[in-house]
Amino acid sequence: MRKFLALGLLCFLLINCKSKEVPKELIQPDKMQKILIDIHIVDGYISTITDADSAKKVSAAYYKGIYKKFHVDSASYNRSMDYYYKHPDVLSDMYTNIKKDLDKTKAKLEKVPAKPVLKE
């Protein structure tokens, strides 16, 4: 009985310790990070639009532009995100890098002097 239990535990560990390699048919982490950075920037802009109908129209156009830029479609993006949601360790690693990139972008933008407002 103990041998059976030990064998069962070994099989369980082997199944759960499989490779963290993302399937080839999905968007790979490096490309997905770039897509998510653009999506978060767009989401930030869209959150400033007060009219819900306008925000919906603008967001659809921006998301289509992001998909086109990275040569993906919404279906492959959604399949990939489903995978990453089911593998939070991979998603967490990606978001560590995404946060670094967004922080760098923010720092660059903060260094740019604001344009003076012309008074009439």
C-alpha atoms as a PDB file:
ATOM      1  CA  MET A   1       0.000   0.000   0.000  1.00  0.00           C
ATOM      2  CA  ARG A   2       2.843   2.393   0.810  1.00  0.00           C
ATOM      3  CA  LYS A   3       4.509   1.678  -2.518  1.00  0.00           C
ATOM      4  CA  PHE A   4       1.251   2.494  -4.301  1.00  0.00           C
ATOM      5  CA  LEU A   5       0.896   5.743  -2.334  1.00  0.00           C
ATOM      6  CA  ALA A   6       4.517   6.703  -3.046  1.00  0.00           C
ATOM      7  CA  LEU A   7       4.063   5.932  -6.758  1.00  0.00           C
ATOM      8  CA  GLY A   8       0.852   7.993  -6.837  1.00  0.00           C
ATOM      9  CA  LEU A   9       2.595  10.928  -5.156  1.00  0.00           C
ATOM     10  CA  LEU A  10       5.513  10.702  -7.584  1.00  0.00           C
ATOM     11  CA  CYS A  11       3.147  10.720 -10.581  1.00  0.00           C
ATOM     12  CA  PHE A  12       1.274  13.710  -9.145  1.00  0.00           C
ATOM     13  CA  LEU A  13       4.509  15.658  -8.691  1.00  0.00           C
ATOM     14  CA  LEU A  14       5.732  14.843 -12.198  1.00  0.00           C
ATOM     15  CA  ILE A  15       2.451  15.947 -13.759  1.00  0.00           C
ATOM     16  CA  ASN A  16       2.370  19.218 -11.811  1.00  0.00           C
ATOM     17  CA  CYS A  17       6.055  20.018 -12.394  1.00  0.00           C
ATOM     18  CA  LYS A  18       5.846  20.022 -16.170  1.00  0.00           C
ATOM     19  CA  SER A  19       7.682  22.570 -18.243  1.00  0.00           C
ATOM     20  CA  LYS A  20       6.585  26.190 -18.055  1.00  0.00           C
ATOM     21  CA  GLU A  21       7.018  26.525 -21.802  1.00  0.00           C
ATOM     22  CA  VAL A  22       4.110  28.330 -23.427  1.00  0.00           C
ATOM     23  CA  PRO A  23       2.482  26.348 -26.266  1.00  0.00           C
ATOM     24  CA  LYS A  24       3.657  27.563 -29.690  1.00  0.00           C
ATOM     25  CA  GLU A  25       0.128  28.319 -30.926  1.00  0.00           C
ATOM     26  CA  LEU A  26      -0.233  31.004 -28.246  1.00  0.00           C
ATOM     27  CA  ILE A  27       1.297  34.461 -28.098  1.00  0.00           C
ATOM     28  CA  GLN A  28       4.709  34.069 -26.483  1.00  0.00           C
ATOM     29  CA  PRO A  29       5.508  35.994 -23.270  1.00  0.00           C
ATOM     30  CA  ASP A  30       7.896  38.550 -24.785  1.00  0.00           C
ATOM     31  CA  LYS A  31       5.392  39.556 -27.467  1.00  0.00           C
ATOM     32  CA  MET A  32       2.482  39.371 -25.008  1.00  0.00           C
ATOM     33  CA  GLN A  33       4.284  41.784 -22.672  1.00  0.00           C
ATOM     34  CA  LYS A  34       4.543  44.351 -25.475  1.00  0.00           C
ATOM     35  CA  ILE A  35       0.871  43.913 -26.332  1.00  0.00           C
ATOM     36  CA  LEU A  36      -0.154  44.310 -22.684  1.00  0.00           C
ATOM     37  CA  ILE A  37       1.953  47.460 -22.306  1.00  0.00           C
ATOM     38  CA  ASP A  38       0.131  49.058 -25.234  1.00  0.00           C
ATOM     39  CA  ILE A  39      -3.231  47.859 -23.931  1.00  0.00           C
ATOM     40  CA  HIS A  40      -2.577  49.364 -20.499  1.00  0.00           C
ATOM     41  CA  ILE A  41      -1.542  52.678 -22.031  1.00  0.00           C
ATOM     42  CA  VAL A  42      -4.746  52.697 -24.107  1.00  0.00           C
ATOM     43  CA  ASP A  43      -6.806  51.757 -21.058  1.00  0.00           C
ATOM     44  CA  GLY A  44      -5.305  54.710 -19.202  1.00  0.00           C
ATOM     45  CA  TYR A  45      -6.274  57.065 -22.017  1.00  0.00           C
ATOM     46  CA  ILE A  46      -9.775  55.597 -22.341  1.00  0.00           C
ATOM     47  CA  SER A  47     -10.370  56.068 -18.618  1.00  0.00           C
ATOM     48  CA  THR A  48     -10.100  59.838 -19.205  1.00  0.00           C
ATOM     49  CA  ILE A  49     -13.009  59.845 -21.690  1.00  0.00           C
ATOM     50  CA  THR A  50     -16.172  60.738 -19.801  1.00  0.00           C
ATOM     51  CA  ASP A  51     -18.740  59.738 -22.431  1.00  0.00           C
ATOM     52  CA  ALA A  52     -19.218  55.945 -22.287  1.00  0.00           C
ATOM     53  CA  ASP A  53     -20.289  55.636 -25.928  1.00  0.00           C
ATOM     54  CA  SER A  54     -17.275  57.582 -27.136  1.00  0.00           C
ATOM     55  CA  ALA A  55     -14.974  55.547 -24.909  1.00  0.00           C
ATOM     56  CA  LYS A  56     -16.359  52.299 -26.319  1.00  0.00           C
ATOM     57  CA  LYS A  57     -15.850  53.444 -29.925  1.00  0.00           C
ATOM     58  CA  VAL A  58     -12.354  54.763 -29.251  1.00  0.00           C
ATOM     59  CA  SER A  59     -11.295  51.659 -27.342  1.00  0.00           C
ATOM     60  CA  ALA A  60     -12.426  49.314 -30.116  1.00  0.00           C
ATOM     61  CA  ALA A  61     -10.378  51.247 -32.668  1.00  0.00           C
ATOM     62  CA  TYR A  62      -7.283  51.335 -30.449  1.00  0.00           C
ATOM     63  CA  TYR A  63      -7.471  47.623 -29.610  1.00  0.00           C
ATOM     64  CA  LYS A  64      -7.800  46.761 -33.317  1.00  0.00           C
ATOM     65  CA  GLY A  65      -4.748  48.913 -33.959  1.00  0.00           C
ATOM     66  CA  ILE A  66      -2.763  47.083 -31.287  1.00  0.00           C
ATOM     67  CA  TYR A  67      -3.742  43.691 -32.714  1.00  0.00           C
ATOM     68  CA  LYS A  68      -2.752  44.849 -36.195  1.00  0.00           C
ATOM     69  CA  LYS A  69       0.569  46.254 -34.938  1.00  0.00           C
ATOM     70  CA  PHE A  70       1.519  42.888 -33.425  1.00  0.00           C
ATOM     71  CA  HIS A  71      -0.055  40.735 -36.172  1.00  0.00           C
ATOM     72  CA  VAL A  72      -2.512  38.989 -33.840  1.00  0.00           C
ATOM     73  CA  ASP A  73      -6.287  38.879 -33.637  1.00  0.00           C
ATOM     74  CA  SER A  74      -8.620  39.199 -30.685  1.00  0.00           C
ATOM     75  CA  ALA A  75      -9.275  35.442 -30.625  1.00  0.00           C
ATOM     76  CA  SER A  76      -5.583  34.538 -30.303  1.00  0.00           C
ATOM     77  CA  TYR A  77      -5.151  37.302 -27.707  1.00  0.00           C
ATOM     78  CA  ASN A  78      -8.067  35.927 -25.661  1.00  0.00           C
ATOM     79  CA  ARG A  79      -6.823  32.313 -25.949  1.00  0.00           C
ATOM     80  CA  SER A  80      -3.385  33.424 -24.822  1.00  0.00           C
ATOM     81  CA  MET A  81      -4.765  35.423 -21.900  1.00  0.00           C
ATOM     82  CA  ASP A  82      -6.829  32.399 -20.826  1.00  0.00           C
ATOM     83  CA  TYR A  83      -3.623  30.375 -20.743  1.00  0.00           C
ATOM     84  CA  TYR A  84      -1.771  33.046 -18.754  1.00  0.00           C
ATOM     85  CA  TYR A  85      -4.647  33.360 -16.267  1.00  0.00           C
ATOM     86  CA  LYS A  86      -4.371  29.612 -15.668  1.00  0.00           C
ATOM     87  CA  HIS A  87      -0.584  29.984 -15.186  1.00  0.00           C
ATOM     88  CA  PRO A  88      -0.291  32.894 -12.741  1.00  0.00           C
ATOM     89  CA  ASP A  89       3.429  32.327 -12.179  1.00  0.00           C
ATOM     90  CA  VAL A  90       4.137  33.087 -15.851  1.00  0.00           C
ATOM     91  CA  LEU A  91       1.728  36.031 -15.830  1.00  0.00           C
ATOM     92  CA  SER A  92       3.339  37.401 -12.667  1.00  0.00           C
ATOM     93  CA  ASP A  93       6.796  37.254 -14.267  1.00  0.00           C
ATOM     94  CA  MET A  94       5.433  39.077 -17.299  1.00  0.00           C
ATOM     95  CA  TYR A  95       3.845  41.788 -15.155  1.00  0.00           C
ATOM     96  CA  THR A  96       7.111  42.327 -13.300  1.00  0.00           C
ATOM     97  CA  ASN A  97       8.676  43.235 -16.658  1.00  0.00           C
ATOM     98  CA  ILE A  98       5.619  45.210 -17.772  1.00  0.00           C
ATOM     99  CA  LYS A  99       5.749  47.332 -14.623  1.00  0.00           C
ATOM    100  CA  LYS A 100       9.448  48.067 -15.196  1.00  0.00           C
ATOM    101  CA  ASP A 101       8.769  49.143 -18.785  1.00  0.00           C
ATOM    102  CA  LEU A 102       5.827  51.335 -17.800  1.00  0.00           C
ATOM    103  CA  ASP A 103       7.890  52.919 -15.010  1.00  0.00           C
ATOM    104  CA  LYS A 104      10.675  53.712 -17.514  1.00  0.00           C
ATOM    105  CA  THR A 105       8.155  55.263 -19.900  1.00  0.00           C
ATOM    106  CA  LYS A 106       6.635  57.314 -17.098  1.00  0.00           C
ATOM    107  CA  ALA A 107      10.080  58.553 -16.002  1.00  0.00           C
ATOM    108  CA  LYS A 108      10.893  59.627 -19.570  1.00  0.00           C
ATOM    109  CA  LEU A 109       7.606  61.484 -19.875  1.00  0.00           C
ATOM    110  CA  GLU A 110       8.119  63.253 -16.567  1.00  0.00           C
ATOM    111  CA  LYS A 111      11.461  64.608 -17.830  1.00  0.00           C
ATOM    112  CA  VAL A 112       9.825  66.241 -20.859  1.00  0.00           C
ATOM    113  CA  PRO A 113       9.050  69.877 -20.024  1.00  0.00           C
ATOM    114  CA  ALA A 114       5.414  70.864 -20.266  1.00  0.00           C
ATOM    115  CA  LYS A 115       4.470  73.254 -23.028  1.00  0.00           C
ATOM    116  CA  PRO A 116       3.611  76.707 -21.671  1.00  0.00           C
ATOM    117  CA  VAL A 117       0.011  77.784 -21.911  1.00  0.00           C
ATOM    118  CA  LEU A 118      -0.392  80.869 -24.066  1.00  0.00           C
ATOM    119  CA  LYS A 119      -2.357  83.637 -22.422  1.00  0.00           C
ATOM    120  CA  GLU A 120      -4.437  85.955 -24.513  1.00  0.00           C
END
